[in-house]
Amino acid sequence: MKVVIITGTSASGKTSLMYKVIKLLLSEAVKVAVCKIDCLNTTDDEKYAELGIPVAVGLSDYICPDHYYVSNLEEIFDWAKGFSSQVLVIETAGLCNRCAPAIDGCLNICVLDNLSGVDTPSKVGPLLTTADVAVITKGDIVSQAEREVFRHRLSIVNTKAIILNANGLTGQGAIKLKNIILNWPDIDGLEHRTLKSSMPAAVCSYCTGEKLIGSKYQMGNIRKEIFWGRQHD
């Protein structure tokens, strides 16, 4: 089974784009299953369900969606295998620019939109730097100059990724992405595979439910900054 990891910033058009891509895969009799990882709620499963394919939802609730995602990967893979799926698409929430859901051997796709600003590629981190394919959406809303600057800065951050322009409404770029998926090698499981980057650090007192503010209430993995400034008279 081929495993496709869809990441990207919030509202970048991940679901709309993959809807078009999956529709093309289904037209070639490819069996596809989708799992959407989110935090509190999602309706993306309803969109995917319109295609008549197996769809699962994982809501991380109070847990970091990245950590929730990686702790459920084996179960997601086995679930898709139960439907004899040839392609498993896992779409993550896209909430933290430090997120690192890319996996060796899987097709890792990062979706960014031109409206987020030309500085976005340098702010995203492992979400982009570990991607095999970088997809740029909403280019029809900005100027040609902005599109070129955004693409150039993205290529500097990730020199190895295939860069595609796409539009989830018109389907632009969907055929190219479909062909990349079909040419990607199958894997026989996710156990023992390696994340391309470490996850964001966690497990502090606030992770476990603390609400009070103040250093004496802070325990675990804590990072403090020293802020230097001029004192006022």
Protein backbone atom coordinates (compact mmCIF):
# COMPACT_ATOMS: atom_id res chain seq x y z
CA MET A 1 0.00 0.00 0.00
CA LYS A 2 1.19 3.50 -0.78
CA VAL A 3 1.00 5.91 2.18
CA VAL A 4 0.50 9.61 1.46
CA ILE A 5 0.92 12.13 4.28
CA ILE A 6 -0.80 15.47 3.58
CA THR A 7 0.39 18.34 5.76
CA GLY A 8 0.34 22.11 5.51
CA THR A 9 -0.83 25.28 7.14
CA SER A 10 -4.46 25.71 8.16
CA ALA A 11 -6.95 26.63 5.40
CA SER A 12 -4.34 26.10 2.66
CA GLY A 13 -6.72 23.87 0.67
CA LYS A 14 -5.44 20.39 1.59
CA THR A 15 -8.85 18.71 1.58
CA SER A 16 -10.10 20.37 -1.61
CA LEU A 17 -6.93 19.42 -3.47
CA MET A 18 -6.90 15.81 -2.26
CA TYR A 19 -10.59 15.45 -3.12
CA LYS A 20 -9.70 16.17 -6.76
CA VAL A 21 -6.67 13.86 -6.65
CA ILE A 22 -8.58 10.96 -5.10
CA LYS A 23 -11.35 11.38 -7.66
CA LEU A 24 -8.73 10.87 -10.40
CA LEU A 25 -7.32 7.82 -8.61
CA LEU A 26 -10.78 6.30 -8.35
CA SER A 27 -11.32 6.84 -12.08
CA GLU A 28 -8.37 4.47 -12.62
CA ALA A 29 -9.89 1.86 -10.27
CA VAL A 30 -7.37 2.55 -7.47
CA LYS A 31 -8.71 1.71 -4.00
CA VAL A 32 -8.22 4.64 -1.62
CA ALA A 33 -8.81 5.10 2.12
CA VAL A 34 -8.54 8.40 4.00
CA CYS A 35 -7.89 9.24 7.64
CA LYS A 36 -8.22 12.84 8.84
CA ILE A 37 -6.39 13.84 12.04
CA ASP A 38 -7.71 16.99 13.73
CA CYS A 39 -8.05 18.48 17.20
CA LEU A 40 -11.60 19.19 18.36
CA ASN A 41 -13.86 18.76 15.35
CA THR A 42 -13.83 18.28 11.59
CA THR A 43 -16.31 17.95 8.74
CA ASP A 44 -13.68 16.99 6.16
CA ASP A 45 -14.70 13.35 6.51
CA GLU A 46 -18.11 14.25 5.06
CA LYS A 47 -16.39 15.72 1.99
CA TYR A 48 -14.28 12.60 1.45
CA ALA A 49 -17.26 10.32 2.11
CA GLU A 50 -18.96 11.79 -0.98
CA LEU A 51 -16.45 9.76 -2.99
CA GLY A 52 -17.74 6.50 -1.54
CA ILE A 53 -14.42 5.51 0.03
CA PRO A 54 -13.52 4.36 3.58
CA VAL A 55 -12.98 7.42 5.79
CA ALA A 56 -11.80 7.59 9.39
CA VAL A 57 -11.41 10.53 11.77
CA GLY A 58 -9.02 10.89 14.68
CA LEU A 59 -9.56 13.77 17.12
CA SER A 60 -6.63 14.45 19.44
CA ASP A 61 -8.71 16.50 21.93
CA TYR A 62 -6.32 17.70 24.67
CA ILE A 63 -3.25 15.96 23.17
CA CYS A 64 -0.91 17.56 20.61
CA PRO A 65 -2.25 16.37 17.22
CA ASP A 66 1.26 15.44 16.07
CA HIS A 67 1.87 13.17 19.06
CA TYR A 68 -1.63 11.72 18.71
CA TYR A 69 -1.00 11.11 15.01
CA VAL A 70 2.27 9.23 15.45
CA SER A 71 0.92 7.07 18.28
CA ASN A 72 -1.94 5.86 16.04
CA LEU A 73 -0.10 5.26 12.76
CA GLU A 74 0.05 1.47 12.99
CA GLU A 75 -3.67 1.27 13.73
CA ILE A 76 -4.47 3.60 10.80
CA PHE A 77 -2.38 1.45 8.44
CA ASP A 78 -4.06 -1.77 9.60
CA TRP A 79 -7.50 -0.15 9.27
CA ALA A 80 -6.82 0.79 5.63
CA LYS A 81 -5.38 -2.66 4.89
CA GLY A 82 -8.65 -4.15 6.08
CA PHE A 83 -10.34 -2.51 3.06
CA SER A 84 -7.64 -3.83 0.68
CA SER A 85 -6.71 -0.22 -0.01
CA GLN A 86 -3.93 0.50 -2.48
CA VAL A 87 -3.45 4.09 -1.33
CA LEU A 88 -3.81 5.41 2.22
CA VAL A 89 -4.12 9.19 2.56
CA ILE A 90 -3.51 10.64 6.02
CA GLU A 91 -4.36 14.33 6.32
CA THR A 92 -3.10 16.11 9.41
CA ALA A 93 -4.56 19.19 11.05
CA GLY A 94 -1.86 21.66 10.03
CA LEU A 95 -1.92 23.70 13.22
CA CYS A 96 1.70 24.04 14.30
CA ASN A 97 4.46 25.29 12.01
CA ARG A 98 6.87 23.12 14.01
CA CYS A 99 4.87 19.97 13.20
CA ALA A 100 6.92 17.06 11.87
CA PRO A 101 4.66 14.27 10.57
CA ALA A 102 6.84 13.21 7.59
CA ILE A 103 7.84 9.51 7.50
CA ASP A 104 10.66 7.81 5.60
CA GLY A 105 9.27 5.71 2.76
CA CYS A 106 5.95 7.54 2.63
CA LEU A 107 5.03 10.29 0.18
CA ASN A 108 5.12 13.47 2.26
CA ILE A 109 3.23 16.41 0.75
CA CYS A 110 3.20 19.91 2.23
CA VAL A 111 0.51 22.36 1.07
CA LEU A 112 1.07 26.11 1.47
CA ASP A 113 -0.97 28.97 0.06
CA ASN A 114 0.25 32.17 -1.53
CA LEU A 115 -2.06 34.26 0.66
CA SER A 116 -0.03 33.39 3.77
CA GLY A 117 2.73 35.80 2.68
CA VAL A 118 6.12 35.50 1.00
CA ASP A 119 7.90 34.94 4.33
CA THR A 120 5.88 31.82 5.16
CA PRO A 121 8.33 29.23 3.72
CA SER A 122 11.05 30.37 6.14
CA LYS A 123 8.66 30.13 9.11
CA VAL A 124 7.21 26.68 8.57
CA GLY A 125 10.08 24.38 9.63
CA PRO A 126 9.95 20.55 9.36
CA LEU A 127 6.47 20.70 7.88
CA LEU A 128 8.12 21.97 4.70
CA THR A 129 11.78 21.01 4.99
CA THR A 130 11.00 17.26 5.17
CA ALA A 131 8.41 17.24 2.36
CA ASP A 132 8.91 15.26 -0.84
CA VAL A 133 6.38 17.44 -2.67
CA ALA A 134 5.55 21.08 -1.94
CA VAL A 135 2.23 22.28 -3.32
CA ILE A 136 1.42 25.98 -3.62
CA THR A 137 -2.26 26.93 -3.73
CA LYS A 138 -4.32 30.12 -4.24
CA GLY A 139 -1.82 31.54 -6.71
CA ASP A 140 -4.69 32.95 -8.78
CA ILE A 141 -5.42 35.51 -6.05
CA VAL A 142 -1.96 37.13 -5.89
CA SER A 143 0.24 38.85 -8.48
CA GLN A 144 2.74 37.06 -10.71
CA ALA A 145 5.60 38.72 -8.80
CA GLU A 146 4.29 37.41 -5.46
CA ARG A 147 3.92 33.92 -6.92
CA GLU A 148 7.50 33.91 -8.18
CA VAL A 149 8.97 35.23 -4.92
CA PHE A 150 6.99 32.71 -2.87
CA ARG A 151 8.11 29.81 -5.07
CA HIS A 152 11.74 30.96 -5.00
CA ARG A 153 11.82 31.25 -1.22
CA LEU A 154 10.18 27.85 -0.90
CA SER A 155 12.85 26.31 -3.16
CA ILE A 156 15.57 27.75 -0.91
CA VAL A 157 14.04 26.20 2.22
CA ASN A 158 13.59 22.78 0.58
CA THR A 159 15.99 22.26 -2.30
CA LYS A 160 14.93 18.65 -3.01
CA ALA A 161 11.13 18.82 -3.05
CA ILE A 162 9.07 18.71 -6.23
CA ILE A 163 7.22 22.04 -6.36
CA LEU A 164 3.73 22.13 -7.86
CA ASN A 165 1.15 24.88 -8.28
CA ALA A 166 -2.39 23.69 -7.65
CA ASN A 167 -5.96 24.85 -7.28
CA GLY A 168 -8.42 22.81 -5.23
CA LEU A 169 -11.41 24.44 -6.94
CA THR A 170 -10.43 23.96 -10.58
CA GLY A 171 -8.32 20.83 -10.14
CA GLN A 172 -5.13 22.41 -11.48
CA GLY A 173 -2.15 20.27 -10.50
CA ALA A 174 -4.27 17.26 -9.49
CA ILE A 175 -3.16 15.11 -12.43
CA LYS A 176 0.53 15.68 -11.70
CA LEU A 177 0.01 14.85 -8.03
CA LYS A 178 -1.98 11.74 -8.95
CA ASN A 179 0.86 10.52 -11.16
CA ILE A 180 3.42 11.11 -8.40
CA ILE A 181 1.30 9.03 -6.01
CA LEU A 182 0.91 6.18 -8.49
CA ASN A 183 4.68 6.08 -9.11
CA TRP A 184 5.53 6.10 -5.40
CA PRO A 185 6.64 2.70 -4.03
CA ASP A 186 4.41 0.61 -1.78
CA ILE A 187 5.34 -0.19 1.81
CA ASP A 188 4.32 -3.20 3.90
CA GLY A 189 3.79 -1.37 7.19
CA LEU A 190 4.70 1.61 9.36
CA GLU A 191 6.19 -0.19 12.35
CA HIS A 192 9.95 0.48 12.71
CA ARG A 193 9.86 3.27 10.15
CA THR A 194 11.41 6.59 11.11
CA LEU A 195 10.05 10.11 11.34
CA LYS A 196 12.11 12.49 9.23
CA SER A 197 12.29 14.98 12.09
CA SER A 198 11.72 14.88 15.84
CA MET A 199 8.32 15.95 17.13
CA PRO A 200 7.90 19.22 19.07
CA ALA A 201 8.92 18.75 22.70
CA ALA A 202 6.08 18.18 25.16
CA VAL A 203 5.29 16.96 28.70
CA CYS A 204 5.30 20.03 30.90
CA SER A 205 2.94 20.84 33.75
CA TYR A 206 0.55 22.58 31.34
CA CYS A 207 0.44 19.45 29.18
CA THR A 208 -0.97 17.59 32.16
CA GLY A 209 -3.69 20.08 33.01
CA GLU A 210 -2.05 22.90 35.00
CA LYS A 211 -3.83 26.27 34.62
CA LEU A 212 -2.08 28.54 37.11
CA ILE A 213 0.49 30.97 35.71
CA GLY A 214 3.85 31.35 37.42
CA SER A 215 7.28 29.72 37.52
CA LYS A 216 6.53 27.79 40.70
CA TYR A 217 3.75 25.92 38.88
CA GLN A 218 5.94 25.00 35.91
CA MET A 219 7.58 21.56 35.78
CA GLY A 220 8.88 19.18 33.15
CA ASN A 221 10.16 20.28 29.73
CA ILE A 222 10.22 24.07 30.16
CA ARG A 223 12.14 26.60 28.09
CA LYS A 224 12.59 30.12 29.51
CA GLU A 225 13.77 33.25 27.75
CA ILE A 226 15.63 36.23 29.21
CA PHE A 227 14.12 39.45 27.90
CA TRP A 228 16.48 42.42 27.94
CA GLY A 229 15.06 45.91 27.73
CA ARG A 230 15.65 49.47 28.82
CA GLN A 231 14.07 50.42 32.11
CA HIS A 232 11.76 53.41 32.08
CA ASP A 233 12.46 56.36 34.42
